[in-house]
Protein backbone atom coordinates (compact mmCIF):
# COMPACT_ATOMS: atom_id res chain seq x y z
CA MET A 1 -188.80 -0.26 -41.07
CA ALA A 2 -186.47 -3.26 -41.49
CA GLU A 3 -184.55 -4.68 -38.60
CA THR A 4 -180.85 -4.10 -38.11
CA ASP A 5 -178.07 -4.89 -35.63
CA GLY A 6 -175.08 -2.89 -36.75
CA THR A 7 -172.98 -5.84 -37.91
CA LYS A 8 -171.45 -6.63 -41.28
CA PRO A 9 -171.48 -10.12 -42.82
CA THR A 10 -168.37 -12.26 -42.45
CA PRO A 11 -167.66 -15.59 -44.20
CA ASP A 12 -167.74 -17.57 -40.95
CA ARG A 13 -171.02 -16.25 -39.53
CA LYS A 14 -174.61 -16.94 -40.51
CA PHE A 15 -176.66 -13.90 -41.57
CA PHE A 16 -180.39 -13.61 -42.26
CA VAL A 17 -182.18 -11.19 -44.53
CA PRO A 18 -183.49 -8.47 -42.15
CA LEU A 19 -187.16 -8.48 -41.25
CA GLU A 20 -189.56 -5.57 -41.40
CA ASN A 21 -191.16 -4.57 -38.09
CA ASN A 22 -194.60 -5.22 -39.52
CA PRO A 23 -197.53 -7.04 -37.84
CA GLU A 24 -198.18 -9.23 -40.89
CA VAL A 25 -194.52 -10.24 -41.14
CA LEU A 26 -194.05 -11.04 -37.47
CA THR A 27 -197.41 -12.82 -37.15
CA HIS A 28 -196.54 -14.91 -40.18
CA LEU A 29 -193.23 -15.79 -38.59
CA LEU A 30 -194.80 -17.03 -35.38
CA ARG A 31 -197.62 -18.88 -37.18
CA THR A 32 -195.10 -20.68 -39.36
CA LEU A 33 -193.11 -21.73 -36.30
CA GLY A 34 -196.23 -22.83 -34.48
CA THR A 35 -198.61 -20.47 -32.67
CA ARG A 36 -202.38 -20.52 -32.50
CA PRO A 37 -204.32 -17.88 -34.52
CA THR A 38 -205.48 -16.41 -31.21
CA LEU A 39 -202.34 -14.28 -30.97
CA THR A 40 -201.39 -11.51 -33.42
CA PHE A 41 -199.19 -8.44 -33.74
CA HIS A 42 -200.65 -4.94 -34.08
CA ASP A 43 -199.17 -1.58 -35.05
CA VAL A 44 -198.74 0.92 -32.20
CA TYR A 45 -199.04 4.39 -33.76
CA SER A 46 -198.67 6.43 -30.61
CA LEU A 47 -197.69 5.99 -26.95
CA ASP A 48 -199.80 9.01 -25.98
CA SER A 49 -202.96 7.59 -24.36
CA SER A 50 -204.79 10.95 -24.90
CA THR A 51 -204.84 10.36 -28.67
CA GLY A 52 -207.17 7.39 -28.30
CA LEU A 53 -205.04 5.32 -30.72
CA LEU A 54 -204.14 2.80 -28.03
CA ASP A 55 -207.84 1.95 -27.65
CA PHE A 56 -207.81 0.13 -30.97
CA ILE A 57 -205.25 -2.46 -29.77
CA PRO A 58 -206.75 -5.65 -28.24
CA ARG A 59 -205.89 -6.28 -24.60
CA PRO A 60 -204.12 -7.71 -22.83
CA VAL A 61 -200.88 -6.92 -24.63
CA HIS A 62 -198.27 -9.52 -23.68
CA ALA A 63 -195.25 -7.86 -25.30
CA LEU A 64 -194.07 -4.89 -27.32
CA ILE A 65 -191.42 -5.05 -30.01
CA LEU A 66 -189.70 -1.85 -30.99
CA ILE A 67 -186.93 -0.84 -33.35
CA VAL A 68 -184.66 1.84 -31.94
CA PRO A 69 -182.33 3.76 -34.29
CA ALA A 70 -178.67 3.21 -33.46
CA HIS A 71 -177.93 6.87 -32.63
CA ILE A 72 -180.64 6.64 -29.90
CA TYR A 73 -180.04 3.08 -28.77
CA HIS A 74 -176.32 3.40 -27.99
CA PRO A 75 -176.60 6.44 -25.67
CA ALA A 76 -179.59 4.79 -24.00
CA ARG A 77 -178.12 1.32 -23.43
CA ASP A 78 -174.37 0.99 -23.92
CA ALA A 79 -173.30 2.18 -20.47
CA GLU A 80 -175.90 0.02 -18.76
CA ASP A 81 -175.02 -3.07 -20.77
CA ALA A 82 -171.34 -2.65 -19.93
CA GLN A 83 -172.23 -2.89 -16.21
CA LEU A 84 -174.30 -6.07 -16.56
CA THR A 85 -172.92 -9.39 -15.40
CA PRO A 86 -173.11 -11.84 -18.32
CA TYR A 87 -176.22 -13.96 -17.84
CA THR A 88 -175.69 -17.66 -17.11
CA GLY A 89 -179.16 -18.82 -16.17
CA SER A 90 -180.96 -21.94 -17.34
CA GLY A 91 -183.77 -24.26 -16.33
CA PRO A 92 -187.47 -24.00 -15.65
CA ASN A 93 -187.07 -21.58 -12.72
CA GLU A 94 -185.69 -18.76 -14.81
CA PRO A 95 -187.85 -15.62 -14.50
CA VAL A 96 -187.73 -15.32 -18.32
CA LEU A 97 -186.35 -17.30 -21.26
CA TRP A 98 -183.61 -15.21 -22.87
CA PHE A 99 -181.65 -15.98 -26.04
CA ARG A 100 -178.25 -14.50 -26.92
CA GLN A 101 -178.11 -13.56 -30.61
CA THR A 102 -175.36 -15.05 -32.70
CA ILE A 103 -177.08 -14.88 -36.15
CA GLY A 104 -176.48 -11.62 -37.95
CA HIS A 105 -179.49 -9.45 -38.80
CA ALA A 106 -181.81 -11.83 -36.92
CA CYS A 107 -182.89 -9.16 -34.43
CA GLY A 108 -186.53 -9.21 -35.50
CA THR A 109 -186.79 -12.97 -35.18
CA MET A 110 -185.04 -12.84 -31.79
CA ALA A 111 -187.50 -10.21 -30.56
CA ALA A 112 -190.46 -12.31 -31.79
CA LEU A 113 -189.02 -15.37 -30.00
CA HIS A 114 -188.59 -13.40 -26.79
CA ALA A 115 -192.17 -12.10 -27.08
CA ILE A 116 -193.72 -15.56 -27.57
CA SER A 117 -191.45 -17.43 -25.18
CA ASN A 118 -192.44 -15.63 -22.00
CA GLY A 119 -195.44 -14.78 -19.91
CA ALA A 120 -198.97 -15.58 -20.95
CA ALA A 121 -198.06 -15.54 -24.66
CA ARG A 122 -196.28 -18.87 -24.20
CA HIS A 123 -199.66 -20.59 -23.76
CA HIS A 124 -200.49 -19.87 -27.41
CA VAL A 125 -197.67 -22.10 -28.72
CA VAL A 126 -199.05 -25.15 -30.55
CA PRO A 127 -197.98 -28.38 -28.78
CA GLY A 128 -195.71 -30.50 -30.99
CA SER A 129 -194.83 -27.60 -33.33
CA ALA A 130 -191.35 -26.55 -34.33
CA LEU A 131 -191.57 -23.62 -31.91
CA ASP A 132 -192.69 -25.90 -29.07
CA ALA A 133 -189.69 -28.12 -29.69
CA ILE A 134 -187.28 -25.16 -29.84
CA LEU A 135 -188.53 -23.80 -26.54
CA LYS A 136 -188.54 -27.13 -24.73
CA ASP A 137 -185.00 -27.85 -25.93
CA ALA A 138 -183.86 -24.34 -24.94
CA VAL A 139 -185.12 -24.25 -21.33
CA PRO A 140 -182.47 -26.54 -19.74
CA LEU A 141 -179.59 -24.99 -21.69
CA THR A 142 -177.29 -22.15 -20.60
CA PRO A 143 -176.92 -19.18 -22.97
CA GLU A 144 -174.10 -20.50 -25.15
CA PRO A 145 -175.69 -23.84 -26.16
CA ARG A 146 -179.07 -22.13 -26.23
CA ALA A 147 -177.75 -19.66 -28.85
CA GLN A 148 -176.27 -22.57 -30.80
CA LEU A 149 -179.63 -24.29 -30.76
CA LEU A 150 -181.13 -21.31 -32.62
CA TYR A 151 -178.10 -21.01 -34.92
CA ASP A 152 -178.51 -24.60 -36.04
CA SER A 153 -182.34 -24.57 -36.35
CA LYS A 154 -183.48 -25.21 -39.90
CA ALA A 155 -187.08 -24.58 -38.88
CA LEU A 156 -186.19 -21.14 -37.58
CA GLU A 157 -184.13 -20.25 -40.67
CA ASP A 158 -186.97 -21.37 -43.02
CA ALA A 159 -189.65 -19.48 -41.06
CA HIS A 160 -187.52 -16.36 -41.03
CA ALA A 161 -186.90 -16.57 -44.77
CA ALA A 162 -190.64 -16.95 -45.48
CA ALA A 163 -191.44 -13.93 -43.26
CA ALA A 164 -188.69 -11.81 -44.83
CA ALA A 165 -190.35 -12.20 -48.24
CA LEU A 166 -193.44 -10.38 -46.92
CA GLY A 167 -193.85 -6.72 -45.89
CA ASP A 168 -194.51 -3.36 -47.45
CA SER A 169 -190.94 -2.51 -48.43
CA LEU A 170 -188.13 -4.26 -50.30
CA ALA A 171 -186.32 -6.54 -47.89
CA PRO A 172 -182.63 -5.59 -47.61
CA ALA A 173 -180.05 -8.19 -48.57
CA SER A 174 -178.26 -10.08 -45.82
CA SER A 175 -175.04 -8.37 -47.01
CA ASP A 176 -176.40 -4.87 -46.48
CA PRO A 177 -174.92 -2.91 -43.54
CA ASN A 178 -177.40 -2.27 -40.74
CA GLY A 179 -177.55 -0.12 -37.63
CA ASN A 180 -180.86 -0.23 -35.72
CA HIS A 181 -181.86 -2.46 -32.80
CA PHE A 182 -184.91 -4.63 -32.05
CA ILE A 183 -186.04 -4.85 -28.39
CA ALA A 184 -188.81 -6.91 -26.83
CA LEU A 185 -190.57 -5.65 -23.71
CA VAL A 186 -192.42 -8.54 -22.10
CA LYS A 187 -194.55 -9.01 -19.00
CA GLY A 188 -193.14 -12.15 -17.42
CA ASP A 189 -194.89 -14.72 -15.24
CA ASP A 190 -193.32 -13.02 -12.26
CA GLY A 191 -195.30 -9.83 -12.97
CA ASN A 192 -192.23 -7.81 -13.96
CA LEU A 193 -191.61 -5.99 -17.22
CA TRP A 194 -188.52 -7.49 -18.83
CA GLU A 195 -186.36 -6.00 -21.59
CA LEU A 196 -185.12 -8.82 -23.79
CA ASN A 197 -182.44 -8.11 -26.35
CA GLY A 198 -180.13 -10.80 -27.65
CA GLY A 199 -177.43 -8.20 -28.21
CA MET A 200 -177.15 -7.32 -24.54
CA ARG A 201 -175.44 -9.38 -21.85
CA GLY A 202 -178.67 -10.76 -20.52
CA PRO A 203 -182.31 -9.96 -19.68
CA VAL A 204 -183.04 -6.75 -17.78
CA CYS A 205 -185.90 -6.35 -15.30
CA ARG A 206 -187.40 -2.89 -15.72
CA GLY A 207 -189.78 -3.08 -12.74
CA ALA A 208 -192.94 -4.63 -11.34
CA LEU A 209 -196.37 -4.33 -13.04
CA GLY A 210 -199.64 -4.61 -11.23
CA GLU A 211 -202.01 -7.54 -11.72
CA GLY A 212 -204.14 -5.63 -14.24
CA GLU A 213 -201.23 -3.92 -15.96
CA ASP A 214 -200.11 -5.35 -19.30
CA ALA A 215 -197.13 -4.50 -21.52
CA LEU A 216 -199.00 -1.49 -22.97
CA SER A 217 -200.10 -0.08 -19.64
CA GLU A 218 -199.03 3.42 -18.60
CA ARG A 219 -196.56 2.00 -16.09
CA ALA A 220 -195.10 -0.41 -18.59
CA LEU A 221 -194.64 2.35 -21.13
CA ASP A 222 -192.95 4.56 -18.53
CA LEU A 223 -190.58 1.73 -17.59
CA GLY A 224 -189.86 0.44 -21.08
CA ALA A 225 -190.52 2.34 -24.34
CA ARG A 226 -190.88 5.99 -23.32
CA PRO A 227 -187.33 6.36 -21.88
CA PHE A 228 -186.00 6.05 -25.40
CA PHE A 229 -188.03 9.13 -26.40
CA LYS A 230 -186.60 10.97 -23.40
CA VAL A 231 -183.08 10.16 -24.59
CA ALA A 232 -184.00 11.45 -28.01
CA GLU A 233 -185.42 14.67 -26.54
CA GLY A 234 -182.23 15.17 -24.57
CA MET A 235 -180.30 14.99 -27.80
CA GLY A 236 -182.55 17.52 -29.44
CA GLU A 237 -184.22 14.95 -31.68
CA GLY A 238 -187.74 15.41 -32.95
CA GLU A 239 -189.15 12.45 -34.86
CA ILE A 240 -186.83 9.57 -34.07
CA GLY A 241 -188.36 6.89 -36.36
CA LEU A 242 -189.09 4.40 -33.58
CA SER A 243 -191.33 1.57 -34.86
CA ILE A 244 -193.51 -0.35 -32.34
CA VAL A 245 -195.78 -3.39 -32.59
CA ALA A 246 -197.80 -5.08 -29.88
CA LEU A 247 -198.40 -8.85 -29.37
CA ALA A 248 -201.94 -9.28 -28.16
CA GLU A 249 -204.75 -11.80 -28.09
CA GLY A 250 -207.39 -11.69 -30.76
CA GLU A 251 -207.47 -13.24 -34.25
CA ALA A 252 -206.36 -11.12 -37.20
């Protein structure tokens, strides 16, 4: 499934070709930017632990990335987002590093950045790489200049373009209308599960995780991904087409 963000191209705004929520695509993106081969994305085929499918995913899982269809996302998040105070944080003492999205159709890249920028995953960034430079430059900035940093980054644009050329389906054009939403669910250094979405007003803490609980633990799933399924059930939806990948240690 390709990423979307519900916006249409305009002459004065940069747009990327949407990414596919595919482990190969997202791993390629991060490797190109500068991560060690000790961190890879993996498909999550079920959130039901009784199926045994979660047992095939290496642990610990540092982050989940999911695409939520627009007709599920908006009922689940619009009211909450409207109540959030716009985030203004910056500096090394932030609980998480959050980026506001200003590039159209860049949701997948934003989610991957949020996944690698926080918690234990950050230790897998190669020193001196393009990604290392982006993150170091971003930390002291407030959200507006931080977003501009990404907007102006040639390294980010080139890595995204290379990743967009991969995948199992034909990549949509940057001019195609889109409507789904990428979300990153990350275990931060503070032990909390954070929902990071550049289309919201800021990062959202979903609750505390125990020392041995990662982003794919039962508690993390109850706090983060499963509520979207509950919204879908309340709307009478069956299969909602929610695509999930996990960022975990272990070479591909």
